[in-house]
């Protein structure tokens, strides 16, 4: 098993895929941090706040909403790419059972996903810091920042693992790129908008994309409100939470750990589906 894992790391780090997808993660993270500063500036223009605004919390949430898809693409392509290049045949023939290859790829994906998550957190925080004219108060309580950063890394790892399962399921590099992008940014957006005014709006937080975003946002938004409102937090109207969730993802009243468990279930389903498909697929 150790040799398989080493082989997966060697194959990955001798190609351009991992760092090519890391670049947009860093750029989006920095840009999201900068954009978050503008939003807080808007709030401050309405009402002068008497305490530091922990911008970094929202910056990390916003960047996670857009950058975790690149973790999913990496995971999907590290499997589907082998089918495209016909190298999966050698991988399966030199290991027994085939599931060992999938496990090795999951270990690789978890490691790369953690790196992507760390880069995302650091770049988002840096973007927020630069946009806030280097006001260290924008980071808020260090414990809150570390908590939100940890959920961002966790979300990225889970998206990357889901990508591995999806890539093994479709075994097509083109579909592995197009389908996740179209689903997250088009299909689920339309479905979410349709659910808002429907009788089943309660299922919105349980959609895959919403659950993935909620891992970070459903922690970042309440912490942000608590830091800004201070002792007046119980009096903050629901609409304030909902407005922040519109911009930064997540759903009011839905705990971050509930989103994590929901998305973990999706991840397990895709991994199981990929395992089943890879066992039965003809690689000749």
Foldseek 3Di string as FASTA:
>chain_A
DVVLLVVLVVVVVVDDLLVVLLVVLLVLLLVLLLVLLVVVVVVCVVPPFPAQQQSLLLSLLQSLLPSLLSLLLSLLCSQLVCLVVLVLVVVCVVDPHSVVNLVSSLVVSLVSLLVSLLSSSVSNNVSNCVNVVNDPCNNPDPVLSVQLSVLSSVLSSLSNLLSNLQNLQVSHSVCSPPVSVCCQPPVLVVVQVVLVPDPVNVCNCLDQSLLSSLLRLLSSLLVSLCRRCPPCSVVDDPVSSVVSCVNRGYDPPDHSVNSVVSNNVSSVVSNVSSVVSNNPDDSD
